[in-house]
Every structure is written in C-alpha cells, then in structure tokens.
Amino acid sequence: PSQRRISSPTSLSLSTTQIMSSKHQKGPDLKRFMDKKLKLSLNGNRKVTGQLRGYDAFLNVVLEDAVTETTGGATENIGTIVIRGNSIIQFESVDRIYTS
C-alpha cells in the first residue's frame, strides 16, 4: 500500500537547485503548490497572499483571490494578479501540502 506523507506548512526559498526537477524539466517544479494558498514575500518588503493558479519557467506566477498586506498590517483585496518571477523572494505555503 502506498503511503502519503503530510508535511506542515511549507516555506520554499528560491535557489535553483531546490526548484529544478531531476526529470530534465525546464523551470521550477511548483506542481505540488498548484491550487494551494501561498504567501509570497516580494522585493520592496511587500507580501501577497493568494491561491496559485499558474506559473512558468521564469517563476512568473498567477495568484487568484490575492490580498496584499499594506504598512500597518491592513490588508487589501487585489483579485487575480500576475507577479513577475524576479521580484519573488520567498514562497510560503499557507495550506498543508501532501507529498507521496
């Protein structure tokens, strides 16, 4: 019988060796984060939370139902957005990630 590991909320630092798959895939391997709620730390001390809907080889990501944290801790709903990969410093999974 196959077993599934349950990991706690995950933080992903963006070094190339961690995000590249060993199956000759070009770009990041974020399949396990698809449709999960993520908190992204961006340059300029910005933070955005939303559901991951897509990504590409440059780590550009599409977030749905995105919320940004403004100075003072207030939040602002910004809907569906595209974030350029080179502005992303860190991914943090808000939802539990199941790995096989």
N, C-alpha and C. Protein backbone atom coordinates (compact mmCIF):
# COMPACT_ATOMS: atom_id res chain seq x y z
N PRO A 1 0.84 -1.20 0.00
CA PRO A 1 0.00 0.00 0.00
C PRO A 1 0.87 1.25 0.00
N SER A 2 0.47 2.22 -0.78
CA SER A 2 1.25 3.45 -0.84
C SER A 2 0.92 4.32 0.37
N GLN A 3 1.91 5.03 0.81
CA GLN A 3 1.75 5.92 1.95
C GLN A 3 1.87 7.35 1.48
N ARG A 4 1.13 8.24 2.11
CA ARG A 4 1.23 9.66 1.80
C ARG A 4 1.75 10.38 3.02
N ARG A 5 2.79 11.15 2.81
CA ARG A 5 3.32 11.96 3.90
C ARG A 5 2.57 13.27 3.94
N ILE A 6 2.34 13.75 5.14
CA ILE A 6 1.71 15.05 5.31
C ILE A 6 2.78 15.95 5.90
N SER A 7 3.05 17.03 5.18
CA SER A 7 4.05 17.96 5.70
C SER A 7 3.34 19.18 6.26
N SER A 8 3.99 19.82 7.15
CA SER A 8 3.43 21.03 7.74
C SER A 8 3.52 22.16 6.72
N PRO A 9 2.90 23.31 7.00
CA PRO A 9 3.00 24.42 6.05
C PRO A 9 4.46 24.62 5.65
N THR A 10 4.67 24.78 4.37
CA THR A 10 6.00 24.72 3.80
C THR A 10 6.49 26.10 3.39
N SER A 11 7.75 26.35 3.64
CA SER A 11 8.39 27.55 3.16
C SER A 11 9.40 27.12 2.11
N LEU A 12 9.46 27.83 1.01
CA LEU A 12 10.33 27.46 -0.10
C LEU A 12 11.22 28.62 -0.44
N SER A 13 12.51 28.51 -0.12
CA SER A 13 13.46 29.52 -0.54
C SER A 13 13.81 29.23 -1.99
N LEU A 14 14.05 30.26 -2.74
CA LEU A 14 14.16 30.10 -4.18
C LEU A 14 15.60 29.98 -4.65
N SER A 15 16.22 28.84 -4.41
CA SER A 15 17.51 28.59 -5.02
C SER A 15 17.29 27.61 -6.16
N THR A 16 18.03 27.75 -7.23
CA THR A 16 17.81 26.96 -8.43
C THR A 16 17.91 25.47 -8.16
N THR A 17 18.80 25.06 -7.29
CA THR A 17 18.96 23.63 -7.04
C THR A 17 17.74 23.04 -6.36
N GLN A 18 17.01 23.80 -5.60
CA GLN A 18 15.83 23.28 -4.91
C GLN A 18 14.62 23.19 -5.81
N ILE A 19 14.48 24.10 -6.78
CA ILE A 19 13.24 24.14 -7.54
C ILE A 19 13.32 23.40 -8.87
N MET A 20 14.49 22.95 -9.25
CA MET A 20 14.62 22.23 -10.51
C MET A 20 14.37 20.74 -10.28
N SER A 21 13.56 20.16 -11.11
CA SER A 21 13.28 18.73 -11.03
C SER A 21 14.40 17.95 -11.72
N SER A 22 14.56 16.70 -11.35
CA SER A 22 15.61 15.89 -11.94
C SER A 22 15.16 15.22 -13.24
N LYS A 23 13.98 15.51 -13.74
CA LYS A 23 13.46 14.85 -14.93
C LYS A 23 13.63 15.71 -16.18
N HIS A 24 14.71 16.45 -16.28
CA HIS A 24 15.04 17.29 -17.43
C HIS A 24 13.95 18.33 -17.72
N GLN A 25 13.30 18.77 -16.69
CA GLN A 25 12.25 19.76 -16.82
C GLN A 25 12.86 21.15 -16.81
N LYS A 26 12.38 22.01 -17.66
CA LYS A 26 12.85 23.40 -17.67
C LYS A 26 12.01 24.21 -16.70
N GLY A 27 12.68 24.97 -15.85
CA GLY A 27 11.96 25.85 -14.94
C GLY A 27 11.61 25.21 -13.62
N PRO A 28 10.88 25.93 -12.79
CA PRO A 28 10.57 25.46 -11.44
C PRO A 28 9.53 24.35 -11.43
N ASP A 29 9.58 23.53 -10.40
CA ASP A 29 8.61 22.45 -10.23
C ASP A 29 7.68 22.83 -9.08
N LEU A 30 6.62 23.55 -9.39
CA LEU A 30 5.69 24.02 -8.36
C LEU A 30 4.35 23.30 -8.45
N LYS A 31 4.32 22.13 -9.10
CA LYS A 31 3.05 21.41 -9.27
C LYS A 31 2.37 21.13 -7.94
N ARG A 32 3.15 20.79 -6.92
CA ARG A 32 2.54 20.44 -5.63
C ARG A 32 1.93 21.65 -4.93
N PHE A 33 2.26 22.86 -5.40
CA PHE A 33 1.69 24.08 -4.81
C PHE A 33 0.48 24.59 -5.60
N MET A 34 0.16 23.96 -6.74
CA MET A 34 -0.97 24.42 -7.55
C MET A 34 -2.27 24.32 -6.75
N ASP A 35 -3.09 25.36 -6.88
CA ASP A 35 -4.39 25.46 -6.22
C ASP A 35 -4.28 25.51 -4.70
N LYS A 36 -3.11 25.80 -4.19
CA LYS A 36 -2.90 25.97 -2.75
C LYS A 36 -2.73 27.45 -2.45
N LYS A 37 -3.07 27.82 -1.23
CA LYS A 37 -2.90 29.19 -0.80
C LYS A 37 -1.45 29.42 -0.43
N LEU A 38 -0.83 30.44 -1.02
CA LEU A 38 0.57 30.76 -0.79
C LEU A 38 0.72 32.18 -0.28
N LYS A 39 1.76 32.39 0.50
CA LYS A 39 2.14 33.73 0.92
C LYS A 39 3.48 34.02 0.28
N LEU A 40 3.56 35.04 -0.54
CA LEU A 40 4.78 35.39 -1.24
C LEU A 40 5.40 36.62 -0.63
N SER A 41 6.70 36.56 -0.39
CA SER A 41 7.46 37.74 0.03
C SER A 41 8.11 38.29 -1.23
N LEU A 42 7.89 39.56 -1.47
CA LEU A 42 8.41 40.21 -2.67
C LEU A 42 9.47 41.24 -2.31
N ASN A 43 10.24 41.66 -3.31
CA ASN A 43 11.21 42.71 -3.03
C ASN A 43 10.46 43.99 -2.64
N GLY A 44 11.14 44.90 -1.99
CA GLY A 44 10.47 46.12 -1.50
C GLY A 44 9.67 45.87 -0.24
N ASN A 45 9.95 44.75 0.46
CA ASN A 45 9.28 44.42 1.71
C ASN A 45 7.75 44.29 1.54
N ARG A 46 7.34 43.74 0.40
CA ARG A 46 5.91 43.54 0.12
C ARG A 46 5.54 42.08 0.35
N LYS A 47 4.29 41.85 0.73
CA LYS A 47 3.79 40.49 0.95
C LYS A 47 2.42 40.37 0.29
N VAL A 48 2.24 39.25 -0.43
CA VAL A 48 0.98 38.98 -1.12
C VAL A 48 0.58 37.55 -0.82
N THR A 49 -0.70 37.34 -0.54
CA THR A 49 -1.23 36.01 -0.29
C THR A 49 -2.33 35.73 -1.32
N GLY A 50 -2.33 34.51 -1.87
CA GLY A 50 -3.36 34.15 -2.82
C GLY A 50 -3.23 32.69 -3.23
N GLN A 51 -4.15 32.23 -4.05
CA GLN A 51 -4.18 30.85 -4.49
C GLN A 51 -3.42 30.74 -5.81
N LEU A 52 -2.43 29.84 -5.85
CA LEU A 52 -1.60 29.67 -7.04
C LEU A 52 -2.41 29.02 -8.16
N ARG A 53 -2.52 29.71 -9.28
CA ARG A 53 -3.27 29.20 -10.43
C ARG A 53 -2.38 28.88 -11.61
N GLY A 54 -1.14 29.39 -11.63
CA GLY A 54 -0.25 29.09 -12.74
C GLY A 54 1.13 29.65 -12.51
N TYR A 55 2.10 29.13 -13.29
CA TYR A 55 3.48 29.60 -13.23
C TYR A 55 4.17 29.21 -14.52
N ASP A 56 5.34 29.79 -14.75
CA ASP A 56 6.10 29.44 -15.95
C ASP A 56 7.57 29.21 -15.60
N ALA A 57 8.39 29.01 -16.61
CA ALA A 57 9.80 28.69 -16.42
C ALA A 57 10.58 29.84 -15.78
N PHE A 58 10.06 31.06 -15.87
CA PHE A 58 10.73 32.22 -15.28
C PHE A 58 10.26 32.50 -13.86
N LEU A 59 9.40 31.63 -13.33
CA LEU A 59 8.82 31.75 -12.00
C LEU A 59 7.82 32.90 -11.90
N ASN A 60 7.33 33.36 -13.06
CA ASN A 60 6.19 34.28 -13.04
C ASN A 60 5.01 33.46 -12.53
N VAL A 61 4.21 34.03 -11.64
CA VAL A 61 3.10 33.28 -11.06
C VAL A 61 1.79 34.04 -11.22
N VAL A 62 0.71 33.28 -11.29
CA VAL A 62 -0.64 33.85 -11.30
C VAL A 62 -1.28 33.47 -9.97
N LEU A 63 -1.73 34.48 -9.24
CA LEU A 63 -2.44 34.26 -7.97
C LEU A 63 -3.87 34.74 -8.13
N GLU A 64 -4.79 33.95 -7.60
CA GLU A 64 -6.20 34.29 -7.62
C GLU A 64 -6.62 34.65 -6.20
N ASP A 65 -7.61 35.52 -6.06
CA ASP A 65 -8.09 35.98 -4.75
C ASP A 65 -6.94 36.54 -3.92
N ALA A 66 -6.08 37.31 -4.57
CA ALA A 66 -4.88 37.83 -3.91
C ALA A 66 -5.22 38.96 -2.95
N VAL A 67 -4.46 38.98 -1.86
CA VAL A 67 -4.59 40.00 -0.82
C VAL A 67 -3.18 40.50 -0.53
N THR A 68 -3.02 41.80 -0.48
CA THR A 68 -1.72 42.38 -0.16
C THR A 68 -1.76 42.97 1.25
N GLU A 69 -0.66 42.85 1.95
CA GLU A 69 -0.54 43.46 3.28
C GLU A 69 0.08 44.83 3.11
N THR A 70 -0.61 45.85 3.57
CA THR A 70 -0.08 47.21 3.49
C THR A 70 0.62 47.54 4.80
N THR A 71 1.32 48.66 4.80
CA THR A 71 2.00 49.08 6.02
C THR A 71 0.98 49.29 7.12
N GLY A 72 1.34 48.89 8.31
CA GLY A 72 0.42 48.99 9.43
C GLY A 72 -0.41 47.74 9.63
N GLY A 73 -0.22 46.72 8.77
CA GLY A 73 -0.92 45.45 8.95
C GLY A 73 -2.28 45.35 8.29
N ALA A 74 -2.74 46.42 7.64
CA ALA A 74 -4.02 46.37 6.94
C ALA A 74 -3.89 45.52 5.69
N THR A 75 -5.00 44.94 5.22
CA THR A 75 -4.98 44.14 4.01
C THR A 75 -5.87 44.77 2.95
N GLU A 76 -5.55 44.46 1.69
CA GLU A 76 -6.33 45.00 0.57
C GLU A 76 -6.52 43.89 -0.45
N ASN A 77 -7.76 43.60 -0.82
CA ASN A 77 -8.05 42.59 -1.84
C ASN A 77 -7.68 43.15 -3.20
N ILE A 78 -6.89 42.38 -3.97
CA ILE A 78 -6.47 42.85 -5.29
C ILE A 78 -6.86 41.89 -6.41
N GLY A 79 -7.59 40.83 -6.10
CA GLY A 79 -8.13 39.93 -7.12
C GLY A 79 -7.09 39.00 -7.73
N THR A 80 -7.20 38.79 -9.04
CA THR A 80 -6.28 37.91 -9.77
C THR A 80 -5.14 38.74 -10.32
N ILE A 81 -3.91 38.30 -10.04
CA ILE A 81 -2.74 39.07 -10.44
C ILE A 81 -1.65 38.16 -10.99
N VAL A 82 -0.76 38.75 -11.77
CA VAL A 82 0.45 38.09 -12.25
C VAL A 82 1.62 38.78 -11.57
N ILE A 83 2.51 37.98 -10.97
CA ILE A 83 3.69 38.53 -10.30
C ILE A 83 4.92 38.05 -11.06
N ARG A 84 5.76 38.99 -11.42
CA ARG A 84 6.98 38.66 -12.16
C ARG A 84 7.94 37.88 -11.25
N GLY A 85 8.51 36.83 -11.79
CA GLY A 85 9.35 35.93 -11.01
C GLY A 85 10.54 36.56 -10.34
N ASN A 86 11.18 37.54 -10.99
CA ASN A 86 12.39 38.10 -10.38
C ASN A 86 12.10 39.00 -9.19
N SER A 87 10.84 39.28 -8.90
CA SER A 87 10.51 40.07 -7.71
C SER A 87 10.15 39.20 -6.52
N ILE A 88 10.08 37.87 -6.72
CA ILE A 88 9.71 36.96 -5.64
C ILE A 88 10.95 36.54 -4.86
N ILE A 89 10.89 36.73 -3.55
CA ILE A 89 12.00 36.35 -2.68
C ILE A 89 11.73 34.99 -2.03
N GLN A 90 10.48 34.75 -1.61
CA GLN A 90 10.17 33.51 -0.89
C GLN A 90 8.72 33.12 -1.10
N PHE A 91 8.48 31.80 -1.21
CA PHE A 91 7.13 31.23 -1.19
C PHE A 91 6.92 30.61 0.18
N GLU A 92 5.73 30.76 0.71
CA GLU A 92 5.37 30.05 1.93
C GLU A 92 3.98 29.48 1.73
N SER A 93 3.83 28.19 1.94
CA SER A 93 2.53 27.56 1.79
C SER A 93 1.69 27.80 3.02
N VAL A 94 0.50 28.31 2.84
CA VAL A 94 -0.44 28.51 3.94
C VAL A 94 -1.23 27.23 4.14
N ASP A 95 -1.53 26.52 3.04
CA ASP A 95 -2.24 25.25 3.10
C ASP A 95 -1.27 24.10 3.32
N ARG A 96 -1.79 23.01 3.85
CA ARG A 96 -0.99 21.80 4.05
C ARG A 96 -0.69 21.18 2.68
N ILE A 97 0.55 20.74 2.50
CA ILE A 97 0.98 20.13 1.24
C ILE A 97 1.12 18.63 1.45
N TYR A 98 0.47 17.84 0.61
CA TYR A 98 0.55 16.39 0.68
C TYR A 98 1.56 15.91 -0.35
N THR A 99 2.52 15.12 0.08
CA THR A 99 3.51 14.56 -0.83
C THR A 99 3.40 13.05 -0.81
N SER A 100 3.74 12.43 -1.93
CA SER A 100 3.63 10.96 -1.99
C SER A 100 4.97 10.31 -1.77
